[in-house]
N, C-alpha and C. Protein backbone atom coordinates (compact mmCIF):
# COMPACT_ATOMS: atom_id res chain seq x y z
N UNK A 1 -55.38 3.53 -7.31
CA UNK A 1 -54.07 4.15 -7.19
C UNK A 1 -53.01 3.06 -7.30
N UNK A 2 -52.04 3.27 -8.20
CA UNK A 2 -50.98 2.30 -8.39
C UNK A 2 -50.01 2.28 -7.21
N UNK A 3 -49.16 1.26 -7.19
CA UNK A 3 -48.21 1.08 -6.08
C UNK A 3 -47.27 2.29 -5.95
N UNK A 4 -46.81 2.82 -7.09
CA UNK A 4 -45.91 3.97 -7.05
C UNK A 4 -46.62 5.19 -6.44
N UNK A 5 -47.88 5.40 -6.82
CA UNK A 5 -48.66 6.51 -6.26
C UNK A 5 -48.90 6.33 -4.77
N UNK A 6 -49.16 5.09 -4.35
CA UNK A 6 -49.38 4.81 -2.93
C UNK A 6 -48.12 5.14 -2.13
N UNK A 7 -46.95 4.74 -2.65
CA UNK A 7 -45.69 5.02 -1.98
C UNK A 7 -45.38 6.51 -1.94
N UNK A 8 -45.71 7.22 -3.04
CA UNK A 8 -45.48 8.67 -3.09
C UNK A 8 -46.36 9.38 -2.06
N UNK A 9 -47.62 8.96 -1.97
CA UNK A 9 -48.54 9.57 -1.00
C UNK A 9 -48.05 9.30 0.43
N UNK A 10 -47.59 8.10 0.67
CA UNK A 10 -47.07 7.74 1.99
C UNK A 10 -45.85 8.61 2.33
N UNK A 11 -44.99 8.81 1.37
CA UNK A 11 -43.80 9.65 1.56
C UNK A 11 -44.21 11.09 1.89
N UNK A 12 -45.18 11.62 1.16
CA UNK A 12 -45.66 12.98 1.40
C UNK A 12 -46.23 13.09 2.82
N UNK A 13 -46.98 12.10 3.25
CA UNK A 13 -47.56 12.11 4.59
C UNK A 13 -46.47 12.08 5.67
N UNK A 14 -45.43 11.27 5.45
CA UNK A 14 -44.32 11.20 6.41
C UNK A 14 -43.61 12.55 6.53
N UNK A 15 -43.32 13.16 5.38
CA UNK A 15 -42.64 14.45 5.39
C UNK A 15 -43.54 15.54 5.97
N UNK A 16 -44.81 15.50 5.63
CA UNK A 16 -45.76 16.49 6.16
C UNK A 16 -45.86 16.37 7.68
N UNK A 17 -45.85 15.15 8.18
CA UNK A 17 -45.89 14.95 9.64
C UNK A 17 -44.70 15.65 10.29
N UNK A 18 -43.52 15.50 9.69
CA UNK A 18 -42.33 16.15 10.24
C UNK A 18 -42.49 17.67 10.25
N UNK A 19 -43.03 18.22 9.17
CA UNK A 19 -43.20 19.67 9.07
C UNK A 19 -44.23 20.16 10.10
N UNK A 20 -45.38 19.47 10.19
CA UNK A 20 -46.41 19.87 11.16
C UNK A 20 -45.89 19.72 12.59
N UNK A 21 -45.08 18.71 12.83
CA UNK A 21 -44.52 18.50 14.16
C UNK A 21 -43.58 19.64 14.54
N UNK A 22 -42.84 20.12 13.57
CA UNK A 22 -41.86 21.17 13.82
C UNK A 22 -42.50 22.56 13.91
N UNK A 23 -43.48 22.84 13.02
CA UNK A 23 -44.00 24.21 12.92
C UNK A 23 -45.41 24.40 13.48
N UNK A 24 -46.06 23.31 13.90
CA UNK A 24 -47.46 23.43 14.29
C UNK A 24 -48.34 23.34 13.05
N UNK A 25 -49.59 23.79 13.15
CA UNK A 25 -50.46 23.76 11.97
C UNK A 25 -50.54 25.12 11.29
N UNK A 26 -50.77 26.17 12.07
CA UNK A 26 -51.12 27.46 11.48
C UNK A 26 -50.00 28.10 10.67
N UNK A 27 -48.74 27.74 10.92
CA UNK A 27 -47.62 28.35 10.21
C UNK A 27 -47.15 27.55 8.99
N UNK A 28 -47.80 26.44 8.71
CA UNK A 28 -47.35 25.58 7.60
C UNK A 28 -48.04 26.00 6.30
N UNK A 29 -47.24 26.08 5.25
CA UNK A 29 -47.78 26.38 3.92
C UNK A 29 -47.53 25.18 3.00
N UNK A 30 -48.20 25.19 1.89
CA UNK A 30 -47.96 24.11 0.92
C UNK A 30 -46.51 24.17 0.42
N UNK A 31 -45.94 25.37 0.36
CA UNK A 31 -44.53 25.49 -0.05
C UNK A 31 -43.63 24.76 0.93
N UNK A 32 -43.94 24.84 2.23
CA UNK A 32 -43.14 24.11 3.22
C UNK A 32 -43.14 22.62 2.93
N UNK A 33 -44.31 22.11 2.56
CA UNK A 33 -44.43 20.67 2.26
C UNK A 33 -43.69 20.33 0.97
N UNK A 34 -43.84 21.19 -0.04
CA UNK A 34 -43.12 20.99 -1.31
C UNK A 34 -41.61 20.94 -1.06
N UNK A 35 -41.12 21.88 -0.26
CA UNK A 35 -39.68 21.93 0.04
C UNK A 35 -39.23 20.68 0.80
N UNK A 36 -40.02 20.26 1.78
CA UNK A 36 -39.65 19.08 2.58
C UNK A 36 -39.64 17.81 1.75
N UNK A 37 -40.58 17.72 0.81
CA UNK A 37 -40.70 16.51 -0.02
C UNK A 37 -39.78 16.56 -1.23
N UNK A 38 -39.27 17.76 -1.53
CA UNK A 38 -38.44 17.96 -2.72
C UNK A 38 -39.17 17.49 -3.98
N UNK A 39 -40.43 17.95 -4.08
CA UNK A 39 -41.22 17.67 -5.28
C UNK A 39 -41.77 18.99 -5.80
N UNK A 40 -42.37 18.96 -6.97
CA UNK A 40 -42.95 20.17 -7.52
C UNK A 40 -44.28 20.47 -6.83
N UNK A 41 -44.69 21.71 -6.93
CA UNK A 41 -45.98 22.11 -6.36
C UNK A 41 -47.10 21.30 -7.02
N UNK A 42 -47.01 21.14 -8.34
CA UNK A 42 -48.01 20.35 -9.07
C UNK A 42 -48.03 18.90 -8.61
N UNK A 43 -46.84 18.36 -8.31
CA UNK A 43 -46.77 16.98 -7.81
C UNK A 43 -47.48 16.83 -6.49
N UNK A 44 -47.38 17.83 -5.62
CA UNK A 44 -48.07 17.78 -4.34
C UNK A 44 -49.58 17.91 -4.53
N UNK A 45 -49.98 18.83 -5.42
CA UNK A 45 -51.41 19.07 -5.63
C UNK A 45 -52.11 17.90 -6.32
N UNK A 46 -51.35 16.98 -6.89
CA UNK A 46 -51.98 15.75 -7.41
C UNK A 46 -52.60 14.93 -6.28
N UNK A 47 -52.03 15.07 -5.07
CA UNK A 47 -52.46 14.27 -3.94
C UNK A 47 -53.29 15.07 -2.93
N UNK A 48 -52.92 16.33 -2.70
CA UNK A 48 -53.58 17.14 -1.67
C UNK A 48 -53.78 18.56 -2.17
N UNK A 49 -54.95 19.14 -1.87
CA UNK A 49 -55.27 20.47 -2.38
C UNK A 49 -55.01 21.59 -1.37
N UNK A 50 -54.75 21.23 -0.11
CA UNK A 50 -54.53 22.26 0.91
C UNK A 50 -53.79 21.68 2.10
N UNK A 51 -53.26 22.58 2.93
CA UNK A 51 -52.60 22.11 4.15
C UNK A 51 -53.62 21.45 5.08
N UNK A 52 -54.84 21.94 5.08
CA UNK A 52 -55.88 21.33 5.93
C UNK A 52 -56.15 19.89 5.51
N UNK A 53 -56.34 19.67 4.21
CA UNK A 53 -56.57 18.31 3.72
C UNK A 53 -55.38 17.40 4.06
N UNK A 54 -54.20 17.92 3.88
CA UNK A 54 -52.98 17.16 4.16
C UNK A 54 -52.86 16.84 5.65
N UNK A 55 -53.14 17.83 6.49
CA UNK A 55 -53.04 17.61 7.94
C UNK A 55 -54.05 16.56 8.39
N UNK A 56 -55.26 16.63 7.90
CA UNK A 56 -56.28 15.64 8.28
C UNK A 56 -55.88 14.24 7.80
N UNK A 57 -55.22 14.17 6.65
CA UNK A 57 -54.73 12.88 6.15
C UNK A 57 -53.62 12.34 7.05
N UNK A 58 -52.75 13.24 7.54
CA UNK A 58 -51.69 12.83 8.47
C UNK A 58 -52.32 12.28 9.75
N UNK A 59 -53.33 12.97 10.27
CA UNK A 59 -54.01 12.49 11.48
C UNK A 59 -54.69 11.15 11.25
N UNK A 60 -55.37 11.02 10.11
CA UNK A 60 -56.07 9.76 9.79
C UNK A 60 -55.07 8.62 9.64
N UNK A 61 -53.91 8.92 9.06
CA UNK A 61 -52.86 7.91 8.87
C UNK A 61 -52.28 7.47 10.21
N UNK A 62 -52.43 8.32 11.22
CA UNK A 62 -51.91 8.08 12.56
C UNK A 62 -52.83 7.18 13.39
N UNK A 63 -53.99 6.82 12.85
CA UNK A 63 -54.99 6.07 13.59
C UNK A 63 -55.13 4.67 13.03
N UNK A 64 -54.44 3.69 13.63
CA UNK A 64 -54.59 2.32 13.15
C UNK A 64 -56.03 1.85 13.37
N UNK A 65 -56.64 1.36 12.30
CA UNK A 65 -58.05 0.97 12.37
C UNK A 65 -58.26 -0.39 13.00
N UNK A 66 -57.23 -1.21 13.07
CA UNK A 66 -57.44 -2.58 13.55
C UNK A 66 -56.95 -2.79 14.99
N UNK A 67 -56.78 -1.73 15.76
CA UNK A 67 -56.33 -1.86 17.15
C UNK A 67 -57.28 -2.72 17.98
N UNK A 68 -58.59 -2.49 17.82
CA UNK A 68 -59.56 -3.23 18.62
C UNK A 68 -59.49 -4.73 18.31
N UNK A 69 -59.38 -5.07 17.03
CA UNK A 69 -59.29 -6.48 16.65
C UNK A 69 -58.02 -7.12 17.21
N UNK A 70 -56.93 -6.36 17.23
CA UNK A 70 -55.66 -6.86 17.76
C UNK A 70 -55.79 -7.16 19.25
N UNK A 71 -56.50 -6.30 19.98
CA UNK A 71 -56.69 -6.52 21.42
C UNK A 71 -57.52 -7.77 21.65
N UNK A 72 -58.61 -7.90 20.90
CA UNK A 72 -59.46 -9.08 21.06
C UNK A 72 -58.67 -10.35 20.76
N UNK A 73 -57.87 -10.32 19.70
CA UNK A 73 -57.07 -11.49 19.34
C UNK A 73 -56.05 -11.80 20.43
N UNK A 74 -55.40 -10.78 20.98
CA UNK A 74 -54.40 -11.00 22.04
C UNK A 74 -55.04 -11.57 23.29
N UNK A 75 -56.23 -11.09 23.62
CA UNK A 75 -56.90 -11.58 24.82
C UNK A 75 -57.37 -13.02 24.68
N UNK A 76 -57.57 -13.45 23.44
CA UNK A 76 -57.97 -14.85 23.24
C UNK A 76 -56.75 -15.78 23.30
N UNK A 77 -55.56 -15.20 23.35
CA UNK A 77 -54.32 -15.98 23.47
C UNK A 77 -53.87 -16.04 24.91
N UNK A 78 -52.56 -15.96 25.12
CA UNK A 78 -51.98 -16.08 26.45
C UNK A 78 -51.89 -14.77 27.22
N UNK A 79 -52.02 -13.64 26.55
CA UNK A 79 -51.86 -12.35 27.22
C UNK A 79 -53.00 -12.08 28.19
N UNK A 80 -52.66 -11.59 29.38
CA UNK A 80 -53.69 -11.23 30.35
C UNK A 80 -54.13 -9.80 30.08
N UNK A 81 -55.28 -9.44 30.63
CA UNK A 81 -55.77 -8.07 30.50
C UNK A 81 -54.78 -7.09 31.12
N UNK A 82 -54.20 -7.48 32.25
CA UNK A 82 -53.21 -6.62 32.90
C UNK A 82 -51.99 -6.41 32.02
N UNK A 83 -51.52 -7.47 31.36
CA UNK A 83 -50.37 -7.36 30.46
C UNK A 83 -50.68 -6.41 29.30
N UNK A 84 -51.87 -6.58 28.74
CA UNK A 84 -52.26 -5.77 27.59
C UNK A 84 -52.44 -4.30 28.00
N UNK A 85 -53.03 -4.07 29.16
CA UNK A 85 -53.22 -2.70 29.62
C UNK A 85 -51.87 -2.05 29.90
N UNK A 86 -50.94 -2.79 30.47
CA UNK A 86 -49.59 -2.28 30.73
C UNK A 86 -48.90 -1.92 29.41
N UNK A 87 -49.06 -2.76 28.39
CA UNK A 87 -48.47 -2.48 27.08
C UNK A 87 -49.10 -1.24 26.46
N UNK A 88 -50.42 -1.13 26.56
CA UNK A 88 -51.13 0.03 26.04
C UNK A 88 -50.61 1.31 26.70
N UNK A 89 -50.48 1.29 28.02
CA UNK A 89 -50.01 2.47 28.75
C UNK A 89 -48.55 2.79 28.43
N UNK A 90 -47.76 1.76 28.20
CA UNK A 90 -46.36 1.98 27.81
C UNK A 90 -46.29 2.73 26.49
N UNK A 91 -47.15 2.36 25.55
CA UNK A 91 -47.19 3.06 24.26
C UNK A 91 -47.68 4.50 24.43
N UNK A 92 -48.67 4.69 25.30
CA UNK A 92 -49.16 6.05 25.56
C UNK A 92 -48.05 6.91 26.17
N UNK A 93 -47.29 6.33 27.08
CA UNK A 93 -46.19 7.05 27.73
C UNK A 93 -45.16 7.49 26.69
N UNK A 94 -44.82 6.59 25.75
CA UNK A 94 -43.87 6.94 24.70
C UNK A 94 -44.40 8.11 23.87
N UNK A 95 -45.69 8.08 23.59
CA UNK A 95 -46.30 9.15 22.80
C UNK A 95 -46.28 10.48 23.57
N UNK A 96 -46.57 10.42 24.86
CA UNK A 96 -46.56 11.63 25.70
C UNK A 96 -45.16 12.25 25.74
N UNK A 97 -44.14 11.40 25.84
CA UNK A 97 -42.76 11.89 25.96
C UNK A 97 -42.10 12.20 24.62
N UNK A 98 -42.75 11.82 23.53
CA UNK A 98 -42.16 11.99 22.20
C UNK A 98 -41.92 13.47 21.91
N UNK A 99 -40.71 13.77 21.55
CA UNK A 99 -40.36 15.15 21.17
C UNK A 99 -40.37 15.30 19.65
N UNK A 100 -39.78 14.33 18.97
CA UNK A 100 -39.72 14.38 17.51
C UNK A 100 -41.01 13.81 16.93
N UNK A 101 -41.49 14.45 15.89
CA UNK A 101 -42.71 14.01 15.20
C UNK A 101 -43.94 14.02 16.11
N UNK A 102 -43.98 14.93 17.06
CA UNK A 102 -45.13 15.05 17.95
C UNK A 102 -46.11 16.05 17.35
N UNK A 103 -47.33 15.59 17.11
CA UNK A 103 -48.34 16.43 16.46
C UNK A 103 -49.25 17.17 17.44
N UNK A 104 -48.98 17.09 18.73
CA UNK A 104 -49.90 17.66 19.72
C UNK A 104 -50.16 19.14 19.47
N UNK A 105 -49.11 19.94 19.31
CA UNK A 105 -49.28 21.37 19.11
C UNK A 105 -50.07 21.65 17.84
N UNK A 106 -49.70 21.02 16.75
CA UNK A 106 -50.41 21.22 15.48
C UNK A 106 -51.87 20.80 15.59
N UNK A 107 -52.09 19.71 16.27
CA UNK A 107 -53.45 19.20 16.40
C UNK A 107 -54.34 20.18 17.15
N UNK A 108 -53.86 20.69 18.25
CA UNK A 108 -54.68 21.63 19.01
C UNK A 108 -54.81 22.96 18.31
N UNK A 109 -53.80 23.41 17.61
CA UNK A 109 -53.94 24.63 16.80
C UNK A 109 -55.05 24.44 15.76
N UNK A 110 -55.03 23.29 15.12
CA UNK A 110 -56.03 23.04 14.08
C UNK A 110 -57.45 23.02 14.65
N UNK A 111 -57.65 22.25 15.71
CA UNK A 111 -59.00 22.07 16.22
C UNK A 111 -59.53 23.28 16.98
N UNK A 112 -58.65 24.14 17.46
CA UNK A 112 -59.10 25.39 18.06
C UNK A 112 -59.59 26.34 16.97
N UNK A 113 -58.91 26.34 15.82
CA UNK A 113 -59.24 27.26 14.74
C UNK A 113 -60.38 26.76 13.84
N UNK A 114 -60.64 25.47 13.82
CA UNK A 114 -61.64 24.91 12.89
C UNK A 114 -62.76 24.24 13.67
N UNK A 115 -63.94 24.50 13.23
CA UNK A 115 -65.10 23.81 13.81
C UNK A 115 -65.33 22.54 12.97
N UNK A 116 -65.01 21.40 13.56
CA UNK A 116 -65.13 20.13 12.87
C UNK A 116 -66.29 19.37 13.47
N UNK A 117 -67.17 18.85 12.62
CA UNK A 117 -68.29 18.06 13.12
C UNK A 117 -67.75 16.88 13.92
N UNK A 118 -68.43 16.59 15.03
CA UNK A 118 -67.96 15.55 15.94
C UNK A 118 -67.72 14.23 15.23
N UNK A 119 -68.63 13.85 14.34
CA UNK A 119 -68.50 12.54 13.68
C UNK A 119 -67.34 12.51 12.67
N UNK A 120 -66.84 13.68 12.26
CA UNK A 120 -65.74 13.75 11.31
C UNK A 120 -64.41 14.08 11.97
N UNK A 121 -64.41 14.15 13.28
CA UNK A 121 -63.22 14.56 14.02
C UNK A 121 -62.33 13.35 14.29
N UNK A 122 -61.15 13.28 13.65
CA UNK A 122 -60.29 12.12 13.86
C UNK A 122 -59.80 12.00 15.30
N UNK A 123 -59.66 13.12 16.01
CA UNK A 123 -59.25 13.05 17.41
C UNK A 123 -60.32 12.38 18.26
N UNK A 124 -61.57 12.72 17.99
CA UNK A 124 -62.67 12.09 18.73
C UNK A 124 -62.70 10.60 18.42
N UNK A 125 -62.49 10.26 17.16
CA UNK A 125 -62.47 8.84 16.78
C UNK A 125 -61.33 8.10 17.47
N UNK A 126 -60.13 8.71 17.54
CA UNK A 126 -59.00 8.10 18.23
C UNK A 126 -59.31 7.92 19.71
N UNK A 127 -59.86 8.96 20.32
CA UNK A 127 -60.20 8.92 21.73
C UNK A 127 -61.21 7.82 22.01
N UNK A 128 -62.28 7.78 21.21
CA UNK A 128 -63.34 6.77 21.41
C UNK A 128 -62.81 5.35 21.20
N UNK A 129 -61.93 5.18 20.21
CA UNK A 129 -61.33 3.86 19.97
C UNK A 129 -60.50 3.43 21.17
N UNK A 130 -59.68 4.35 21.69
CA UNK A 130 -58.85 4.03 22.85
C UNK A 130 -59.71 3.69 24.06
N UNK A 131 -60.81 4.43 24.26
CA UNK A 131 -61.72 4.14 25.38
C UNK A 131 -62.30 2.73 25.22
N UNK A 132 -62.73 2.38 24.01
CA UNK A 132 -63.29 1.04 23.78
C UNK A 132 -62.26 -0.06 24.05
N UNK A 133 -61.00 0.18 23.65
CA UNK A 133 -59.94 -0.80 23.88
C UNK A 133 -59.71 -0.98 25.38
N UNK A 134 -59.57 0.13 26.10
CA UNK A 134 -59.33 0.04 27.54
C UNK A 134 -60.52 -0.60 28.23
N UNK A 135 -61.72 -0.24 27.81
CA UNK A 135 -62.93 -0.82 28.41
C UNK A 135 -62.95 -2.34 28.24
N UNK A 136 -62.61 -2.82 27.04
CA UNK A 136 -62.55 -4.27 26.80
C UNK A 136 -61.52 -4.94 27.70
N UNK A 137 -60.36 -4.28 27.84
CA UNK A 137 -59.31 -4.84 28.70
C UNK A 137 -59.78 -4.91 30.15
N UNK A 138 -60.42 -3.85 30.61
CA UNK A 138 -60.90 -3.83 32.00
C UNK A 138 -61.98 -4.89 32.20
N UNK A 139 -62.92 -4.99 31.26
CA UNK A 139 -63.98 -6.00 31.37
C UNK A 139 -63.38 -7.40 31.41
N UNK A 140 -62.39 -7.64 30.56
CA UNK A 140 -61.75 -8.95 30.54
C UNK A 140 -61.03 -9.20 31.87
N UNK A 141 -60.36 -8.17 32.39
CA UNK A 141 -59.68 -8.31 33.68
C UNK A 141 -60.64 -8.56 34.82
N UNK A 142 -61.81 -7.93 34.78
CA UNK A 142 -62.84 -8.16 35.80
C UNK A 142 -63.33 -9.61 35.71
N UNK A 143 -63.60 -10.06 34.48
CA UNK A 143 -64.06 -11.44 34.27
C UNK A 143 -63.06 -12.46 34.79
N UNK A 144 -61.76 -12.15 34.66
CA UNK A 144 -60.70 -13.08 35.08
C UNK A 144 -60.23 -12.86 36.52
N UNK A 145 -60.83 -11.91 37.22
CA UNK A 145 -60.45 -11.66 38.61
C UNK A 145 -59.20 -10.81 38.78
N UNK A 146 -58.64 -10.29 37.69
CA UNK A 146 -57.46 -9.42 37.79
C UNK A 146 -57.83 -8.04 38.31
N UNK A 147 -58.99 -7.56 37.88
CA UNK A 147 -59.42 -6.21 38.20
C UNK A 147 -60.75 -6.22 38.93
N UNK A 148 -61.02 -5.12 39.61
CA UNK A 148 -62.34 -4.86 40.16
C UNK A 148 -62.76 -3.49 39.63
N UNK A 149 -63.91 -3.43 39.00
CA UNK A 149 -64.39 -2.16 38.46
C UNK A 149 -65.89 -2.26 38.23
N UNK A 150 -66.62 -1.34 38.83
CA UNK A 150 -68.07 -1.32 38.64
C UNK A 150 -68.47 -0.60 37.36
N UNK A 151 -67.60 0.24 36.84
CA UNK A 151 -67.93 1.02 35.64
C UNK A 151 -66.73 1.04 34.69
N UNK A 152 -66.52 -0.04 33.93
CA UNK A 152 -65.37 -0.10 33.03
C UNK A 152 -65.32 1.05 32.01
N UNK A 153 -66.48 1.43 31.49
CA UNK A 153 -66.49 2.52 30.50
C UNK A 153 -66.04 3.83 31.14
N UNK A 154 -66.56 4.15 32.32
CA UNK A 154 -66.18 5.38 33.01
C UNK A 154 -64.70 5.40 33.37
N UNK A 155 -64.18 4.26 33.82
CA UNK A 155 -62.76 4.17 34.17
C UNK A 155 -61.90 4.34 32.93
N UNK A 156 -62.30 3.72 31.82
CA UNK A 156 -61.55 3.83 30.57
C UNK A 156 -61.55 5.26 30.07
N UNK A 157 -62.70 5.90 30.12
CA UNK A 157 -62.81 7.30 29.68
C UNK A 157 -61.93 8.20 30.56
N UNK A 158 -61.97 7.98 31.88
CA UNK A 158 -61.16 8.76 32.81
C UNK A 158 -59.67 8.59 32.51
N UNK A 159 -59.25 7.37 32.25
CA UNK A 159 -57.84 7.11 31.95
C UNK A 159 -57.41 7.86 30.68
N UNK A 160 -58.28 7.89 29.67
CA UNK A 160 -57.93 8.61 28.44
C UNK A 160 -57.91 10.12 28.64
N UNK A 161 -58.76 10.63 29.52
CA UNK A 161 -58.68 12.07 29.84
C UNK A 161 -57.34 12.38 30.51
N UNK A 162 -56.88 11.49 31.36
CA UNK A 162 -55.57 11.66 32.01
C UNK A 162 -54.47 11.65 30.94
N UNK A 163 -54.54 10.70 30.01
CA UNK A 163 -53.54 10.61 28.93
C UNK A 163 -53.53 11.90 28.12
N UNK A 164 -54.70 12.36 27.70
CA UNK A 164 -54.78 13.58 26.88
C UNK A 164 -54.25 14.79 27.64
N UNK A 165 -54.56 14.86 28.92
CA UNK A 165 -54.05 15.96 29.74
C UNK A 165 -52.53 15.95 29.82
N UNK A 166 -51.96 14.76 29.95
CA UNK A 166 -50.50 14.67 30.02
C UNK A 166 -49.84 15.01 28.68
N UNK A 167 -50.53 14.75 27.57
CA UNK A 167 -49.99 15.14 26.26
C UNK A 167 -49.85 16.65 26.18
N UNK A 168 -50.87 17.36 26.64
CA UNK A 168 -50.82 18.82 26.64
C UNK A 168 -49.75 19.31 27.60
N UNK A 169 -49.72 18.71 28.78
CA UNK A 169 -48.73 19.10 29.78
C UNK A 169 -47.31 18.93 29.25
N UNK A 170 -47.07 17.83 28.53
CA UNK A 170 -45.72 17.58 28.01
C UNK A 170 -45.29 18.67 27.04
N UNK A 171 -46.24 19.26 26.31
CA UNK A 171 -45.92 20.27 25.31
C UNK A 171 -45.90 21.69 25.89
N UNK A 172 -46.51 21.89 27.05
CA UNK A 172 -46.62 23.23 27.60
C UNK A 172 -45.66 23.47 28.76
N UNK A 173 -45.80 22.70 29.82
CA UNK A 173 -44.93 22.92 30.98
C UNK A 173 -43.93 21.79 31.19
N UNK A 174 -44.08 20.72 30.45
CA UNK A 174 -43.17 19.59 30.57
C UNK A 174 -43.64 18.58 31.61
N UNK A 175 -43.25 17.35 31.40
CA UNK A 175 -43.61 16.27 32.32
C UNK A 175 -42.51 15.22 32.26
N UNK A 176 -42.24 14.59 33.39
CA UNK A 176 -41.20 13.56 33.44
C UNK A 176 -41.82 12.18 33.30
N UNK A 177 -40.98 11.22 32.98
CA UNK A 177 -41.43 9.83 32.89
C UNK A 177 -41.96 9.36 34.24
N UNK A 178 -41.30 9.81 35.31
CA UNK A 178 -41.73 9.42 36.67
C UNK A 178 -43.12 9.97 36.98
N UNK A 179 -43.39 11.20 36.57
CA UNK A 179 -44.71 11.80 36.81
C UNK A 179 -45.79 11.05 36.04
N UNK A 180 -45.48 10.63 34.83
CA UNK A 180 -46.45 9.85 34.04
C UNK A 180 -46.74 8.53 34.74
N UNK A 181 -45.70 7.84 35.19
CA UNK A 181 -45.88 6.58 35.90
C UNK A 181 -46.76 6.76 37.14
N UNK A 182 -46.53 7.84 37.88
CA UNK A 182 -47.32 8.12 39.09
C UNK A 182 -48.80 8.27 38.75
N UNK A 183 -49.09 9.02 37.70
CA UNK A 183 -50.48 9.24 37.31
C UNK A 183 -51.15 7.94 36.87
N UNK A 184 -50.43 7.14 36.09
CA UNK A 184 -50.98 5.85 35.67
C UNK A 184 -51.22 4.94 36.88
N UNK A 185 -50.26 4.91 37.80
CA UNK A 185 -50.40 4.06 38.98
C UNK A 185 -51.59 4.50 39.84
N UNK A 186 -51.79 5.79 39.94
CA UNK A 186 -52.91 6.30 40.71
C UNK A 186 -54.24 5.78 40.16
N UNK A 187 -54.38 5.82 38.83
CA UNK A 187 -55.61 5.33 38.20
C UNK A 187 -55.71 3.82 38.34
N UNK A 188 -54.60 3.12 38.09
CA UNK A 188 -54.64 1.65 38.09
C UNK A 188 -54.83 1.05 39.47
N UNK A 189 -54.39 1.74 40.52
CA UNK A 189 -54.56 1.23 41.87
C UNK A 189 -56.03 0.97 42.17
N UNK A 190 -56.89 1.81 41.62
CA UNK A 190 -58.33 1.63 41.81
C UNK A 190 -58.89 0.39 41.13
N UNK A 191 -58.16 -0.18 40.19
CA UNK A 191 -58.63 -1.38 39.49
C UNK A 191 -58.26 -2.67 40.18
N UNK A 192 -57.25 -2.62 41.06
CA UNK A 192 -56.76 -3.85 41.68
C UNK A 192 -57.64 -4.17 42.89
N UNK A 193 -58.20 -5.40 42.93
CA UNK A 193 -59.05 -5.77 44.06
C UNK A 193 -58.30 -5.60 45.40
N UNK A 194 -59.03 -5.23 46.45
CA UNK A 194 -58.43 -4.96 47.77
C UNK A 194 -57.56 -6.11 48.25
N UNK A 195 -58.01 -7.36 48.03
CA UNK A 195 -57.22 -8.49 48.52
C UNK A 195 -55.86 -8.59 47.86
N UNK A 196 -55.72 -8.04 46.62
CA UNK A 196 -54.43 -8.04 45.95
C UNK A 196 -53.58 -6.85 46.37
N UNK A 197 -54.22 -5.80 46.88
CA UNK A 197 -53.49 -4.60 47.33
C UNK A 197 -52.79 -4.83 48.66
N UNK A 198 -53.28 -5.75 49.48
CA UNK A 198 -52.75 -5.97 50.84
C UNK A 198 -51.69 -7.05 50.88
């Protein structure tokens, strides 16, 4: 694919994300995407054959593949595990509170309506990647005496379940920044060794 085609596809994905964020998944048509991109129907079909294919591409585009390598590189530098975990949670908080370009509603509409094999599910891949990142951070923090945790994988998985729950809560009943901070602090308090808590 040439540079112009790569840029066109990127533009289509950006516009499609806006449409899916605004309308959810089930109410979006290819015409909606054509109108948002201001391109011909044929121009869109050169890149994507359906709203499902387009939505899955938007989700895949939303998943940076090199997050784990970035964490490992940061931990080998000056950043502490606690600093990195705080940064990770800050990004999660921004995502939970995001109103514009939020794909939560569309994502759950899609996955409720479609049976997707576990290994092909981009949400599962995102979740598993985040768990591995948090687990590495916790393990590093334990090794450096910042954290105490007998089960880093279980703690990481639990933290991501809390994050996912707050994403749904933000879209259904609403959640404040203060409530998010409270939930994160509740989980993180269990990681701090007793001697540092007193």
